[in-house]
Amino acid sequence: MKTRTLIPVVALALASLVLAQETPRTSLSPHGDGAVYTPDQIKWKAGPPSLPPGAKMAVLEGDPTKEGPFTMRLSFPDGYSIPPHLHPGVEHVTVISGTFNLGMGDKFDKSATQAMPAGAFGYWPAGMKHFAWANGQTVVQVHGIGPWGIQYLNPADDPRKPKDPSAK
């Protein structure tokens, strides 16, 4: 009698397992319980005002302007550059496509950068002075703990500040 009851239970469990494997899961709960983004689901918008014009961004997790973990992607056109700056927290960068060239120091010098090709990962501590430029259309993923910020070493490089019309 016990075998007769056990067989249908096992058959039902196996059928459920097969059905679960045939139904791909593309996203999880949108209520903070996790998410999966396929490339076509990533919503790009104009880059943050803290970066020079031309960048695009997509926030994948959290809110970089608030306390807590965040993940965002930044897309840069070929030749795009970010002047020397620093961040208040550790910066973690994964290159998704293109080549992200990173240099350390307070003066922008393309020849003093290290190429980070697609698949590369790097991190550097809070307060580290650095700069970057993109070779080819480049997408990077940045993650960290917010609130995120950027401070340009030369205030004239900060795109959030109005340009002085008398400056050359």
Foldseek 3Di string as FASTA:
>chain_A
DVVVVVVVVVVVVVVVVVVVVVDDDQFDDPPPPGTHDDVVRFDKDWDDLQFDGAKIKTWDDDDLQDFFKTKMKIKHAAFGKGAKKFKQFKKKKAWQAFWKWKAFDRGDDSVRTDIAHHGGIDIDGGPTIMMITTHHTTMMMIMDGDNIDIGRPDVCSGSVDDHDPVDD
